[in-house]
Protein backbone atom coordinates (compact mmCIF):
# COMPACT_ATOMS: atom_id res chain seq x y z
CA MET A 1 -23.85 -28.57 1.76
CA SER A 2 -23.72 -30.79 4.80
CA GLN A 3 -23.11 -29.29 8.24
CA GLN A 4 -19.80 -31.14 8.38
CA ASN A 5 -18.48 -29.39 5.23
CA GLN A 6 -19.43 -25.84 6.28
CA LYS A 7 -16.64 -23.52 7.25
CA GLN A 8 -17.01 -21.14 10.18
CA VAL A 9 -15.98 -17.66 9.01
CA VAL A 10 -15.64 -14.78 11.47
CA VAL A 11 -14.42 -11.22 10.97
CA ARG A 12 -13.56 -9.53 14.27
CA ARG A 13 -11.47 -6.69 15.61
CA ALA A 14 -7.74 -7.35 15.87
CA ASP A 15 -7.66 -6.93 19.63
CA ARG A 16 -6.44 -10.28 20.97
CA PRO A 17 -2.92 -11.18 22.05
CA GLY A 18 -1.02 -12.52 19.05
CA ASP A 19 -3.13 -10.72 16.42
CA LEU A 20 -0.59 -8.00 15.61
CA GLY A 21 2.33 -10.42 15.56
CA TRP A 22 0.38 -12.75 13.29
CA VAL A 23 -0.22 -9.90 10.82
CA VAL A 24 3.51 -9.29 10.47
CA MET A 25 4.42 -12.99 10.25
CA ALA A 26 1.66 -13.83 7.76
CA HIS A 27 2.59 -10.96 5.46
CA GLY A 28 6.24 -11.98 5.51
CA GLU A 29 5.52 -15.62 4.77
CA VAL A 30 2.72 -15.21 2.21
CA TYR A 31 4.40 -12.49 0.15
CA HIS A 32 7.67 -14.41 0.12
CA GLN A 33 5.94 -17.63 -0.98
CA GLN A 34 3.72 -15.98 -3.57
CA PHE A 35 5.95 -13.20 -4.95
CA GLY A 36 9.45 -13.91 -3.66
CA TRP A 37 9.53 -10.65 -1.68
CA ASP A 38 12.33 -10.33 0.84
CA THR A 39 12.25 -9.34 4.51
CA ASP A 40 12.19 -5.62 3.64
CA PHE A 41 8.45 -6.08 3.08
CA GLU A 42 8.03 -7.73 6.47
CA VAL A 43 9.89 -4.77 8.02
CA LEU A 44 7.47 -2.34 6.34
CA VAL A 45 4.48 -4.28 7.66
CA ALA A 46 6.06 -4.46 11.13
CA LYS A 47 6.43 -0.66 11.17
CA ILE A 48 2.79 -0.15 10.13
CA VAL A 49 1.61 -2.61 12.79
CA ALA A 50 3.90 -1.15 15.49
CA ASP A 51 2.70 2.40 14.78
CA TYR A 52 -0.90 1.22 14.96
CA GLY A 53 -0.33 -0.76 18.17
CA ALA A 54 1.52 2.07 19.90
CA LYS A 55 -0.70 5.01 19.12
CA HIS A 56 -3.94 4.29 17.31
CA GLU A 57 -7.05 6.28 18.14
CA PRO A 58 -9.88 3.74 18.58
CA ALA A 59 -12.56 6.18 17.41
CA ARG A 60 -10.69 6.87 14.15
CA GLU A 61 -8.56 3.78 13.50
CA ALA A 62 -9.23 0.05 13.60
CA ALA A 63 -7.95 -3.33 12.46
CA TRP A 64 -9.75 -6.59 11.74
CA ILE A 65 -8.84 -10.26 11.63
CA ALA A 66 -10.65 -12.85 9.53
CA GLU A 67 -10.81 -16.34 10.98
CA LEU A 68 -11.67 -19.63 9.35
CA ASP A 69 -12.63 -22.38 11.77
CA GLY A 70 -10.86 -20.46 14.55
CA ARG A 71 -7.59 -19.87 12.61
CA ARG A 72 -6.45 -16.43 11.47
CA VAL A 73 -6.53 -16.21 7.68
CA GLY A 74 -6.84 -12.50 6.90
CA CYS A 75 -6.50 -8.93 8.08
CA ILE A 76 -6.95 -5.28 7.21
CA PHE A 77 -6.17 -1.97 8.93
CA LEU A 78 -7.65 1.52 8.66
CA VAL A 79 -5.50 4.38 9.96
CA ALA A 80 -5.68 8.16 9.82
CA GLY A 81 -4.08 9.68 6.76
CA ASP A 82 -1.76 12.65 6.45
CA ARG A 83 -4.63 15.07 5.85
CA PRO A 84 -7.76 15.67 7.95
CA ASN A 85 -10.77 13.54 6.96
CA VAL A 86 -8.58 11.17 4.91
CA ALA A 87 -7.98 7.58 6.03
CA LYS A 88 -5.56 4.97 4.73
CA LEU A 89 -6.56 1.37 4.09
CA ARG A 90 -3.50 -0.69 5.00
CA ILE A 91 -2.14 -4.24 4.76
CA LEU A 92 -5.07 -6.22 3.40
CA LEU A 93 -4.16 -9.90 3.35
CA VAL A 94 -6.02 -13.16 2.88
CA THR A 95 -3.85 -16.26 3.20
CA PRO A 96 -4.14 -19.07 0.65
CA GLU A 97 -6.18 -21.07 3.19
CA GLY A 98 -8.77 -18.27 3.42
CA ARG A 99 -9.13 -17.55 -0.29
CA GLY A 100 -12.29 -18.34 -2.20
CA LEU A 101 -14.57 -17.25 0.65
CA ARG A 102 -14.83 -13.55 -0.35
CA LEU A 103 -12.93 -12.61 2.80
CA GLY A 104 -10.98 -9.86 1.04
CA SER A 105 -14.23 -8.18 0.05
CA ARG A 106 -15.68 -8.67 3.50
CA LEU A 107 -12.60 -7.14 5.15
CA VAL A 108 -12.68 -4.13 2.81
CA ALA A 109 -16.42 -3.70 3.48
CA GLU A 110 -15.78 -3.67 7.26
CA CYS A 111 -12.99 -1.16 6.79
CA LEU A 112 -15.06 1.19 4.62
CA ALA A 113 -18.10 0.99 6.90
CA PHE A 114 -15.88 2.00 9.82
CA ALA A 115 -14.35 4.84 7.76
CA SER A 116 -17.82 6.14 6.99
CA GLU A 117 -18.91 5.94 10.65
CA ALA A 118 -15.68 7.69 11.73
CA GLY A 119 -16.51 10.58 9.37
CA TYR A 120 -13.75 10.17 6.82
CA GLU A 121 -14.46 11.81 3.47
CA GLN A 122 -11.82 9.90 1.54
CA VAL A 123 -9.94 6.60 1.84
CA THR A 124 -6.60 6.09 0.11
CA LEU A 125 -4.34 3.08 -0.28
CA TRP A 126 -0.98 2.15 -1.72
CA THR A 127 -0.45 -1.17 -3.45
CA ASN A 128 1.61 -2.72 -6.22
CA ASP A 129 0.37 -3.64 -9.68
CA VAL A 130 1.29 -7.32 -9.22
CA LEU A 131 -1.40 -7.66 -6.52
CA MET A 132 -4.16 -8.19 -9.06
CA ALA A 133 -6.73 -9.89 -6.81
CA ALA A 134 -6.54 -7.07 -4.26
CA ARG A 135 -6.81 -4.43 -7.00
CA LYS A 136 -9.97 -6.09 -8.32
CA ILE A 137 -11.49 -5.91 -4.84
CA TYR A 138 -10.58 -2.22 -4.48
CA GLN A 139 -12.06 -1.44 -7.89
CA SER A 140 -15.29 -3.28 -7.02
CA PHE A 141 -15.76 -0.82 -4.14
CA GLY A 142 -15.19 2.20 -6.36
CA PHE A 143 -11.52 2.97 -5.72
CA THR A 144 -9.86 4.71 -8.65
CA LEU A 145 -6.19 4.77 -9.61
CA ALA A 146 -4.71 8.17 -8.71
CA ASP A 147 -1.12 7.58 -9.84
CA GLU A 148 1.60 4.98 -10.16
CA GLU A 149 5.39 4.91 -10.10
CA ALA A 150 8.05 2.29 -10.75
CA HIS A 151 10.27 1.41 -7.79
CA HIS A 152 12.66 -1.28 -6.63
CA SER A 153 11.52 -2.71 -3.31
CA PHE A 154 11.35 -6.04 -1.52
CA GLY A 155 13.98 -7.43 -3.90
CA HIS A 156 11.99 -6.73 -7.10
CA ASP A 157 11.20 -4.10 -9.69
CA LEU A 158 7.59 -3.12 -9.01
CA VAL A 159 5.04 -0.51 -9.92
CA GLY A 160 3.52 1.15 -6.87
CA GLN A 161 0.00 2.49 -7.16
CA ASN A 162 -2.02 4.99 -5.14
CA TRP A 163 -5.78 4.45 -5.16
CA THR A 164 -8.52 6.76 -3.83
CA LEU A 165 -12.14 6.39 -2.81
CA ASP A 166 -14.31 9.37 -1.99
CA GLN A 167 -16.86 8.37 0.64
CA SER A 168 -19.57 10.00 -1.49
CA VAL A 169 -18.65 7.47 -4.18
CA ARG A 170 -18.85 4.69 -1.60
CA ALA A 171 -22.47 5.66 -0.90
CA HIS A 172 -23.25 4.94 -4.55
CA VAL A 173 -21.56 1.54 -4.49
CA SER A 174 -22.83 0.48 -1.07
CA GLY A 175 -25.36 -1.76 -2.76
CA MET A 176 -22.37 -3.63 -4.23
CA VAL A 177 -20.86 -4.45 -0.84
CA PRO A 178 -20.44 -8.21 -0.93
CA SER A 179 -21.99 -10.01 2.00
CA CYS A 180 -20.49 -13.01 3.69
CA PRO A 181 -22.68 -14.77 6.24
CA PRO A 182 -21.18 -15.95 9.55
CA THR A 183 -21.12 -19.50 8.20
CA ALA A 184 -20.11 -19.78 4.57
CA GLY A 185 -18.89 -22.35 2.10
CA THR A 186 -16.53 -21.70 -0.76
CA THR A 187 -17.74 -19.62 -3.69
């Protein structure tokens, strides 16, 4: 691949002005375009982001932004769960522009590495069954489906799913963590 065709991919902490606002806007726009979800979803994401921005503990919670050629194209958050030693993986997103570069896997890998360093024993997440690409990523890291329940949200009938990863399981799948070099082409 020629130097001119290479794409500059960076995953960094979400700590710059505009990062948190971008997360909310991107979720609203992408989920509306792709799934027809209404602004109720954007409100949910805004609450998650606002809670993180107002009171996150840097030693136990973090967020990342993926950039492609200097433009934000993805994000993920890790926040403390409702029980001690349990974290929640939240609001993974890769925009259409960032897809095909394994950024979703790279963001999840960053998130899980941080969870391990922070001493979490388990990571949980909530998603919906229509988000097939994200579910495949979670499964590739060893997450297992804990339960699911039908609900009507974001203007649609959906099936919500709770997934769980024990950090001891993560140790066994750490060899599977996809790598993404700083400069990468499409795969």
